[in-house]
Amino acid sequence: MQYYSTNHQAPLASLRKAVVKGLAEDRGLYMPETIHRLPKAFLQDLPGMDFRDIAFNVAASFFGDDVDLDSLQDLVFDTLSFDCPVVHVEDNIYSLELFHGPTLAFKDVGARFMARLLQYFIRQDDSHQQVNVLVATSGDTGSAVANGFLGVKGIHVYVLYPKGKVSPIQECQFTTLGQNITAIEVDGVFDDCQALVKSAFMDEELNRHMRLTSANSINVARFLPQAFYYFNAVAQIEDRESIVVCVPSGNFGNICAALFGHAMGMPVKRFIAANNANDVFYNYLQTGSYEPKASIQTLANAMDVGDPSNFARIIDLYSEGGKLSAEETHRRITALISGATYTDEQIKETMRQCYKETGYTLDPHGACGYRALKEQLQPGEVGVFCETAHPAKFKEKVDDILGIDIEIPERLAAFMRGQKQSVPMSKDFSDFKAYLMKQ
């Protein structure tokens, strides 16, 4: 499988190069040259299959040309040491619970798979040069990547996060680890962190000094494995002709993986991208015009993104690599995807209403997905929304909104007992570059 850039100005890359480089030379995101349709027999057999067997079959379609199948199966099975269950919430609405991994967030799947795939490639590399992973986080990515790569030989991880804009529990999950994990506390917002990472990849001097890659959803090994749990969710729903999947969306890697799954034949009728007050994609759906803007800080902080990177992949997917006009591309996207956007007050209201009426505890991000389904689901449809993180990761907010004392799982409590270690950093790239040049 070859990978091309969404900017179409860089040479084709192998999977190894796409994973190790993260970003193409022309600053575009890598896309697989071909999306294989899965066999009808596999899709028909989904309901009776084990999660890890489903994931292996999906992984083989993407990565089977570049990783021997025995090793790939080991990678997938080791990644998925936990379940992603579908839980009935009410009537025809289900929650796809993605918080049963080590850091209690959906990003555990992609981060763990990428760590294992990168290590697979490093073991085959004769240079033995350390790989340095740069990752920007608005919350859960940092903890998932840091813990996914913790202790992996030959890899050092730098987690860039916006000062004062992640929850205390999230911060504990990547600032207390030490070993091969360094937390960089940036005086700015998530978009500043993401800009620093992208600038680092484009700096020739820095890239001569150290081998860099990214573990954000811009990396194909991070976002593609997230398709695994959508296939698994579909397998657990009886009425598979009218499934609507709703994804709380920030940087759009998660819904992008779902859309790739759909292109592979996953039986989903349509999708909803649920935004918080950061409504750039929602506005694109309404107008056809994509206008990035500074992100707004909200209750659902992991979705506080004003210029989602994976928008480029969605455009490329539905424009057939830039062959179709902007108008036709917009028409194809809106035929499959609708949007929603919610204020903090609406998120709070939704969390209270769901808890009161069903007893189900939503986190602020899942609340956006649940509400969008409540408002947009049509008669006869079955809705699945992603509960992307355990509510206890936002304990202060959830307790205050619902008037409860949510129990902190021991896995989270263990992080909170650690001592914070972070490097303060301005949002000026020259400062960040100077720091890395000393490493």
Protein backbone atom coordinates (compact mmCIF):
# COMPACT_ATOMS: atom_id res chain seq x y z
CA MET A 1 0.00 0.00 0.00
CA GLN A 2 1.30 3.44 -0.92
CA TYR A 3 0.28 6.64 0.86
CA TYR A 4 -0.16 10.02 -0.81
CA SER A 5 -0.42 13.54 0.60
CA THR A 6 -3.69 15.48 0.81
CA ASN A 7 -1.74 18.40 -0.71
CA HIS A 8 -0.70 16.19 -3.67
CA GLN A 9 2.77 17.75 -3.89
CA ALA A 10 4.82 15.07 -2.11
CA PRO A 11 6.05 11.70 -3.41
CA LEU A 12 4.19 8.53 -2.54
CA ALA A 13 5.28 6.95 0.73
CA SER A 14 5.38 3.47 2.18
CA LEU A 15 3.50 2.72 5.38
CA ARG A 16 6.81 2.77 7.27
CA LYS A 17 7.62 6.27 6.00
CA ALA A 18 4.06 7.53 6.59
CA VAL A 19 4.14 6.31 10.19
CA VAL A 20 7.69 7.41 10.99
CA LYS A 21 7.36 10.82 9.28
CA GLY A 22 3.78 11.51 10.36
CA LEU A 23 3.39 14.49 8.02
CA ALA A 24 4.24 14.59 4.31
CA GLU A 25 6.95 16.91 2.96
CA ASP A 26 4.32 19.30 1.56
CA ARG A 27 2.63 19.56 5.01
CA GLY A 28 -0.22 17.38 3.81
CA LEU A 29 -1.70 14.39 5.65
CA TYR A 30 -1.06 10.89 4.38
CA MET A 31 -3.93 8.96 2.80
CA PRO A 32 -3.94 5.29 1.72
CA GLU A 33 -3.83 5.10 -2.08
CA THR A 34 -6.59 2.45 -2.03
CA ILE A 35 -9.42 1.74 0.40
CA HIS A 36 -10.25 -1.93 0.01
CA ARG A 37 -13.88 -3.00 0.24
CA LEU A 38 -14.21 -5.78 2.78
CA PRO A 39 -15.66 -9.09 1.56
CA LYS A 40 -19.43 -9.48 1.81
CA ALA A 41 -18.94 -12.72 3.74
CA PHE A 42 -16.98 -10.85 6.43
CA LEU A 43 -19.65 -8.15 6.73
CA GLN A 44 -22.38 -10.79 6.98
CA ASP A 45 -20.47 -12.68 9.67
CA LEU A 46 -19.83 -9.58 11.84
CA PRO A 47 -22.53 -10.32 14.48
CA GLY A 48 -20.91 -13.58 15.53
CA MET A 49 -17.30 -12.42 15.52
CA ASP A 50 -14.99 -11.54 18.42
CA PHE A 51 -13.88 -7.89 18.66
CA ARG A 52 -10.21 -8.73 18.12
CA ASP A 53 -10.96 -10.94 15.10
CA ILE A 54 -13.03 -8.12 13.59
CA ALA A 55 -10.20 -5.67 14.21
CA PHE A 56 -7.60 -7.98 12.67
CA ASN A 57 -9.61 -8.32 9.45
CA VAL A 58 -10.00 -4.53 9.20
CA ALA A 59 -6.30 -4.01 9.98
CA ALA A 60 -5.28 -6.52 7.33
CA SER A 61 -7.08 -4.45 4.68
CA PHE A 62 -5.02 -1.38 5.57
CA PHE A 63 -1.70 -2.79 6.76
CA GLY A 64 -1.54 -6.38 5.51
CA ASP A 65 0.72 -5.52 2.56
CA ASP A 66 3.36 -3.99 4.85
CA VAL A 67 3.24 -6.06 8.05
CA ASP A 68 3.31 -9.86 8.01
CA LEU A 69 -0.06 -11.18 9.14
CA ASP A 70 1.21 -13.05 12.20
CA SER A 71 2.91 -9.90 13.50
CA LEU A 72 -0.14 -7.81 12.62
CA GLN A 73 -2.40 -10.16 14.54
CA ASP A 74 -0.08 -9.88 17.56
CA LEU A 75 -0.16 -6.06 17.25
CA VAL A 76 -3.96 -5.96 17.11
CA PHE A 77 -4.55 -8.47 19.90
CA ASP A 78 -2.01 -6.77 22.18
CA THR A 79 -3.59 -3.38 21.46
CA LEU A 80 -7.10 -4.56 22.28
CA SER A 81 -6.56 -5.92 25.77
CA PHE A 82 -9.92 -4.37 26.73
CA ASP A 83 -13.45 -4.21 25.34
CA CYS A 84 -15.42 -1.36 23.73
CA PRO A 85 -18.99 -2.36 24.63
CA VAL A 86 -22.25 -0.99 23.27
CA VAL A 87 -24.57 -0.07 26.17
CA HIS A 88 -28.30 0.59 25.84
CA VAL A 89 -29.19 4.03 27.20
CA GLU A 90 -32.82 4.52 26.15
CA ASP A 91 -35.27 3.50 23.43
CA ASN A 92 -33.23 3.26 20.22
CA ILE A 93 -30.10 5.05 21.50
CA TYR A 94 -26.92 3.24 22.49
CA SER A 95 -23.58 4.37 23.91
CA LEU A 96 -20.37 3.02 22.40
CA GLU A 97 -18.20 3.09 25.52
CA LEU A 98 -14.62 3.79 24.50
CA PHE A 99 -13.23 4.40 27.98
CA HIS A 100 -12.30 0.89 29.10
CA GLY A 101 -8.62 1.13 28.14
CA PRO A 102 -5.61 2.04 30.33
CA THR A 103 -6.24 5.82 30.33
CA LEU A 104 -10.05 5.56 30.11
CA ALA A 105 -10.36 7.34 26.75
CA PHE A 106 -11.07 6.35 23.13
CA LYS A 107 -7.56 7.31 22.06
CA ASP A 108 -6.12 4.29 23.85
CA VAL A 109 -6.92 2.18 20.77
CA GLY A 110 -5.07 4.31 18.23
CA ALA A 111 -2.21 5.24 20.56
CA ARG A 112 -1.52 1.65 21.62
CA PHE A 113 -1.66 0.37 18.04
CA MET A 114 0.65 3.11 16.78
CA ALA A 115 3.18 2.50 19.57
CA ARG A 116 3.34 -1.17 18.69
CA LEU A 117 3.51 -0.57 14.93
CA LEU A 118 6.27 2.01 15.32
CA GLN A 119 8.25 -0.36 17.52
CA TYR A 120 7.78 -3.08 14.86
CA PHE A 121 9.39 -0.80 12.27
CA ILE A 122 12.16 0.33 14.64
CA ARG A 123 13.15 -3.28 15.28
CA GLN A 124 13.65 -3.71 11.53
CA ASP A 125 15.76 -0.55 11.27
CA ASP A 126 19.54 -1.00 11.31
CA SER A 127 20.27 2.63 12.26
CA HIS A 128 18.99 2.23 15.85
CA GLN A 129 18.39 6.01 15.88
CA GLN A 130 15.95 7.16 18.57
CA VAL A 131 12.53 8.20 17.30
CA ASN A 132 11.09 11.31 18.96
CA VAL A 133 7.30 11.47 19.03
CA LEU A 134 5.74 14.94 19.19
CA VAL A 135 2.09 15.07 20.20
CA ALA A 136 -0.19 18.04 20.82
CA THR A 137 -3.10 17.42 23.16
CA SER A 138 -6.27 19.18 24.23
CA GLY A 139 -6.80 16.50 26.88
CA ASP A 140 -7.04 12.78 26.24
CA THR A 141 -4.53 12.37 23.40
CA GLY A 142 -1.61 13.21 25.67
CA SER A 143 -2.47 10.62 28.29
CA ALA A 144 -3.28 7.90 25.74
CA VAL A 145 -0.10 8.44 23.73
CA ALA A 146 2.14 8.85 26.77
CA ASN A 147 0.86 5.64 28.34
CA GLY A 148 0.81 3.80 25.02
CA PHE A 149 4.51 4.55 24.47
CA LEU A 150 5.65 4.44 28.12
CA GLY A 151 8.81 2.36 28.44
CA VAL A 152 8.97 1.51 24.70
CA LYS A 153 12.65 1.25 23.80
CA GLY A 154 14.00 3.56 21.10
CA ILE A 155 11.18 6.09 21.43
CA HIS A 156 10.94 9.37 23.39
CA VAL A 157 7.62 11.22 23.61
CA TYR A 158 7.11 14.98 23.99
CA VAL A 159 3.53 15.87 24.97
CA LEU A 160 2.60 19.52 24.26
CA TYR A 161 -0.47 20.75 26.13
CA PRO A 162 -2.12 24.16 26.73
CA LYS A 163 -1.43 25.51 30.20
CA GLY A 164 -4.54 25.53 32.41
CA LYS A 165 -6.79 24.15 29.67
CA VAL A 166 -6.86 20.42 30.40
CA SER A 167 -8.57 18.82 33.39
CA PRO A 168 -6.42 18.14 36.49
CA ILE A 169 -6.88 14.40 36.07
CA GLN A 170 -5.93 14.53 32.38
CA GLU A 171 -2.81 16.52 33.26
CA CYS A 172 -1.79 13.95 35.88
CA GLN A 173 -1.95 11.18 33.30
CA PHE A 174 0.96 12.50 31.23
CA THR A 175 2.95 14.77 33.58
CA THR A 176 3.66 12.16 36.28
CA LEU A 177 5.15 9.36 34.19
CA GLY A 178 8.81 10.30 33.70
CA GLN A 179 10.97 7.69 31.92
CA ASN A 180 10.73 8.35 28.16
CA ILE A 181 7.84 10.85 28.49
CA THR A 182 8.37 14.65 28.65
CA ALA A 183 5.41 17.00 29.19
CA ILE A 184 5.68 20.48 27.60
CA GLU A 185 3.32 23.04 29.19
CA VAL A 186 2.60 25.64 26.46
CA ASP A 187 1.40 29.13 27.33
CA GLY A 188 -1.41 29.12 24.74
CA VAL A 189 -4.31 27.05 23.38
CA PHE A 190 -4.42 23.65 21.68
CA ASP A 191 -4.09 25.16 18.21
CA ASP A 192 -0.78 26.75 19.33
CA CYS A 193 0.46 23.33 20.46
CA GLN A 194 -0.56 21.78 17.16
CA ALA A 195 1.16 24.59 15.23
CA LEU A 196 4.41 23.97 17.14
CA VAL A 197 4.30 20.28 16.23
CA LYS A 198 3.63 20.96 12.54
CA SER A 199 6.37 23.62 12.41
CA ALA A 200 8.84 21.19 13.96
CA PHE A 201 8.22 18.67 11.19
CA MET A 202 8.88 21.31 8.54
CA ASP A 203 12.12 22.61 10.06
CA GLU A 204 15.06 21.08 8.16
CA GLU A 205 17.70 21.86 10.78
CA LEU A 206 15.64 20.28 13.54
CA ASN A 207 14.95 17.19 11.45
CA ARG A 208 18.66 16.77 10.77
CA HIS A 209 19.28 16.97 14.52
CA MET A 210 16.65 14.42 15.59
CA ARG A 211 14.24 11.90 14.08
CA LEU A 212 10.71 13.21 14.52
CA THR A 213 7.24 11.76 14.12
CA SER A 214 3.76 12.59 15.38
CA ALA A 215 1.24 10.59 17.37
CA ASN A 216 -1.64 13.00 16.77
CA SER A 217 -4.50 11.82 14.58
CA ILE A 218 -2.57 13.32 11.65
CA ASN A 219 -0.62 10.03 11.78
CA VAL A 220 -2.24 7.23 9.76
CA ALA A 221 -1.30 4.68 12.43
CA ARG A 222 -3.21 6.67 15.04
CA PHE A 223 -6.50 7.37 13.30
CA LEU A 224 -7.06 4.32 11.07
CA PRO A 225 -7.20 1.75 13.94
CA GLN A 226 -10.11 3.68 15.41
CA ALA A 227 -12.23 2.10 12.67
CA PHE A 228 -11.95 -1.17 14.63
CA TYR A 229 -14.52 -0.26 17.26
CA TYR A 230 -17.09 1.06 14.81
CA PHE A 231 -17.20 -2.30 13.05
CA ASN A 232 -17.49 -3.93 16.47
CA ALA A 233 -20.38 -1.61 17.41
CA VAL A 234 -22.25 -2.40 14.20
CA ALA A 235 -21.79 -6.10 14.94
CA GLN A 236 -23.67 -5.64 18.23
CA ILE A 237 -26.73 -3.88 16.76
CA GLU A 238 -29.51 -6.13 15.46
CA ASP A 239 -31.12 -3.68 13.02
CA ARG A 240 -28.11 -3.03 10.81
CA GLU A 241 -29.98 -1.33 7.96
CA SER A 242 -30.68 1.93 9.78
CA ILE A 243 -27.72 2.65 12.05
CA VAL A 244 -26.78 6.27 12.66
CA VAL A 245 -23.37 6.86 14.23
CA CYS A 246 -22.80 10.12 16.10
CA VAL A 247 -19.24 11.15 16.94
CA PRO A 248 -18.30 14.02 19.28
CA SER A 249 -15.75 15.78 17.09
CA GLY A 250 -12.76 18.06 17.71
CA ASN A 251 -9.77 17.34 15.47
CA PHE A 252 -11.96 14.93 13.43
CA GLY A 253 -9.66 11.91 13.55
CA ASN A 254 -12.30 9.74 15.21
CA ILE A 255 -15.13 10.41 12.77
CA CYS A 256 -12.61 10.22 9.93
CA ALA A 257 -11.84 6.63 10.95
CA ALA A 258 -15.58 5.89 10.95
CA LEU A 259 -15.90 7.34 7.45
CA PHE A 260 -13.04 5.15 6.23
CA GLY A 261 -14.87 2.19 7.75
CA HIS A 262 -17.98 3.21 5.81
CA ALA A 263 -15.92 3.38 2.60
CA MET A 264 -14.79 -0.20 3.35
CA GLY A 265 -18.42 -1.34 3.45
CA MET A 266 -19.38 -0.90 7.09
CA PRO A 267 -23.21 -0.85 7.13
CA VAL A 268 -24.00 2.59 8.57
CA LYS A 269 -26.82 4.68 7.12
CA ARG A 270 -25.39 8.10 8.01
CA PHE A 271 -23.20 10.02 10.46
CA ILE A 272 -23.52 13.02 12.75
CA ALA A 273 -20.53 15.15 13.77
CA ALA A 274 -21.36 16.71 17.13
CA ASN A 275 -19.40 19.87 17.97
CA ASN A 276 -19.21 22.00 21.07
CA ALA A 277 -19.12 25.80 20.53
CA ASN A 278 -16.18 25.29 18.14
CA ASP A 279 -18.42 25.08 15.11
CA VAL A 280 -16.09 25.37 12.09
CA PHE A 281 -17.19 22.03 10.58
CA TYR A 282 -20.84 22.64 11.38
CA ASN A 283 -20.63 25.95 9.52
CA TYR A 284 -18.96 24.21 6.57
CA LEU A 285 -21.89 21.78 6.34
CA GLN A 286 -24.33 24.70 6.27
CA THR A 287 -22.45 26.95 3.82
CA GLY A 288 -19.86 24.93 1.92
CA SER A 289 -17.20 27.36 3.13
CA TYR A 290 -14.44 26.23 5.50
CA GLU A 291 -13.28 29.12 7.67
CA PRO A 292 -10.90 28.15 10.51
CA LYS A 293 -10.84 30.41 13.55
CA ALA A 294 -9.31 30.58 17.00
CA SER A 295 -10.61 27.87 19.30
CA ILE A 296 -12.99 28.66 22.16
CA GLN A 297 -12.48 27.11 25.60
CA THR A 298 -15.48 24.96 26.60
CA LEU A 299 -16.65 22.28 29.03
CA ALA A 300 -15.85 19.64 26.40
CA ASN A 301 -12.21 20.68 26.25
CA ALA A 302 -10.89 17.80 24.14
CA MET A 303 -13.01 19.17 21.28
CA ASP A 304 -11.71 22.74 21.57
CA VAL A 305 -10.24 22.87 18.07
CA GLY A 306 -10.67 25.78 15.67
CA ASP A 307 -8.85 24.28 12.66
CA PRO A 308 -9.34 20.50 12.68
CA SER A 309 -6.47 18.77 10.91
CA ASN A 310 -8.49 15.83 9.61
CA PHE A 311 -10.89 18.06 7.69
CA ALA A 312 -8.33 17.75 4.87
CA ARG A 313 -8.76 13.97 4.86
CA ILE A 314 -12.55 14.21 4.73
CA ILE A 315 -12.36 16.62 1.78
CA ASP A 316 -9.87 14.36 0.01
CA LEU A 317 -11.96 11.26 0.62
CA TYR A 318 -15.15 12.71 -0.86
CA SER A 319 -13.49 14.74 -3.63
CA GLU A 320 -11.82 11.52 -4.85
CA GLY A 321 -8.37 12.98 -4.31
CA GLY A 322 -9.27 16.46 -5.52
CA LYS A 323 -10.90 15.33 -8.76
CA LEU A 324 -14.37 16.68 -7.93
CA SER A 325 -15.40 20.31 -7.56
CA ALA A 326 -15.83 21.94 -4.16
CA GLU A 327 -19.59 22.05 -4.74
CA GLU A 328 -19.86 18.35 -5.61
CA THR A 329 -17.61 17.41 -2.70
CA HIS A 330 -19.80 19.41 -0.31
CA ARG A 331 -22.92 17.75 -1.72
CA ARG A 332 -21.45 14.27 -1.17
CA ILE A 333 -20.36 15.09 2.38
CA THR A 334 -23.70 16.58 3.42
CA ALA A 335 -25.55 13.60 1.92
CA LEU A 336 -23.79 11.38 4.48
CA ILE A 337 -22.89 13.66 7.40
CA SER A 338 -25.00 16.13 9.36
CA GLY A 339 -23.75 18.38 12.13
CA ALA A 340 -24.66 19.81 15.52
CA THR A 341 -23.15 22.43 17.79
CA TYR A 342 -23.83 23.01 21.48
CA THR A 343 -23.06 25.66 24.07
CA ASP A 344 -21.77 24.83 27.54
CA GLU A 345 -25.25 25.47 28.95
CA GLN A 346 -26.79 23.01 26.50
CA ILE A 347 -24.14 20.42 27.42
CA LYS A 348 -24.93 20.83 31.13
CA GLU A 349 -28.65 20.63 30.46
CA THR A 350 -28.17 17.42 28.44
CA MET A 351 -26.04 15.77 31.12
CA ARG A 352 -28.68 16.52 33.78
CA GLN A 353 -31.57 15.37 31.62
CA CYS A 354 -29.89 12.09 30.64
CA TYR A 355 -28.87 11.30 34.22
CA LYS A 356 -32.33 12.10 35.60
CA GLU A 357 -34.27 10.17 32.96
CA THR A 358 -31.99 7.18 32.31
CA GLY A 359 -29.45 7.04 35.17
CA TYR A 360 -26.64 7.10 32.60
CA THR A 361 -23.73 9.41 33.39
CA LEU A 362 -22.41 11.32 30.38
CA ASP A 363 -19.14 13.18 30.20
CA PRO A 364 -19.33 16.61 28.46
CA HIS A 365 -18.12 15.19 25.13
CA GLY A 366 -20.51 12.25 25.09
CA ALA A 367 -23.29 14.67 25.98
CA CYS A 368 -22.85 16.37 22.62
CA GLY A 369 -23.22 13.04 20.84
CA TYR A 370 -26.22 11.94 22.88
CA ARG A 371 -28.06 15.23 22.35
CA ALA A 372 -27.42 15.25 18.61
CA LEU A 373 -29.00 11.80 18.34
CA LYS A 374 -31.98 12.87 20.46
CA GLU A 375 -32.57 15.80 18.13
CA GLN A 376 -31.80 14.22 14.75
CA LEU A 377 -32.72 10.53 14.92
CA GLN A 378 -35.61 9.64 12.59
CA PRO A 379 -38.32 7.00 13.24
CA GLY A 380 -36.99 3.51 12.56
CA GLU A 381 -33.35 4.50 12.99
CA VAL A 382 -30.98 3.18 15.67
CA GLY A 383 -28.48 5.65 17.07
CA VAL A 384 -25.01 4.93 18.48
CA PHE A 385 -23.00 7.76 20.05
CA CYS A 386 -19.41 7.62 21.28
CA GLU A 387 -18.84 8.05 25.00
CA THR A 388 -15.24 9.00 24.41
CA ALA A 389 -13.91 9.26 27.98
CA HIS A 390 -14.86 8.09 31.46
CA PRO A 391 -16.89 10.81 33.23
CA ALA A 392 -14.49 10.63 36.20
CA LYS A 393 -11.79 12.20 33.99
CA PHE A 394 -13.87 15.38 34.34
CA LYS A 395 -14.84 14.76 37.95
CA GLU A 396 -15.03 18.40 39.07
CA LYS A 397 -17.31 19.34 36.18
CA VAL A 398 -19.48 16.21 36.31
CA ASP A 399 -19.93 16.36 40.10
CA ASP A 400 -20.87 20.03 39.96
CA ILE A 401 -23.31 19.64 37.06
CA LEU A 402 -25.04 16.50 38.32
CA GLY A 403 -24.74 17.08 42.06
CA ILE A 404 -23.06 13.71 42.60
CA ASP A 405 -19.72 12.38 43.82
CA ILE A 406 -18.58 10.20 40.94
CA GLU A 407 -16.20 7.43 41.97
CA ILE A 408 -12.68 7.69 40.57
CA PRO A 409 -11.50 4.34 39.14
CA GLU A 410 -8.25 3.09 40.69
CA ARG A 411 -6.43 3.49 37.36
CA LEU A 412 -7.11 7.24 37.50
CA ALA A 413 -6.43 7.53 41.22
CA ALA A 414 -2.96 6.01 40.71
CA PHE A 415 -2.04 8.79 38.26
CA MET A 416 -3.21 11.45 40.70
CA ARG A 417 -0.79 10.24 43.36
CA GLY A 418 2.19 10.97 41.11
CA GLN A 419 4.29 14.16 41.09
CA LYS A 420 3.90 16.63 38.22
CA GLN A 421 6.91 17.09 35.95
CA SER A 422 6.59 19.55 33.06
CA VAL A 423 8.67 21.97 31.00
CA PRO A 424 7.16 25.49 30.66
CA MET A 425 7.17 26.77 27.06
CA SER A 426 5.99 29.84 25.15
CA LYS A 427 3.97 29.42 21.96
CA ASP A 428 6.89 30.85 19.95
CA PHE A 429 8.38 28.16 17.71
CA SER A 430 11.91 29.54 18.11
CA ASP A 431 11.74 28.74 21.84
CA PHE A 432 10.45 25.23 21.23
CA LYS A 433 13.09 24.58 18.54
CA ALA A 434 15.87 25.84 20.81
CA TYR A 435 14.71 23.43 23.52
CA LEU A 436 14.63 20.43 21.17
CA MET A 437 18.03 21.28 19.68
CA LYS A 438 19.52 20.78 23.16
CA GLN A 439 18.01 17.30 23.54
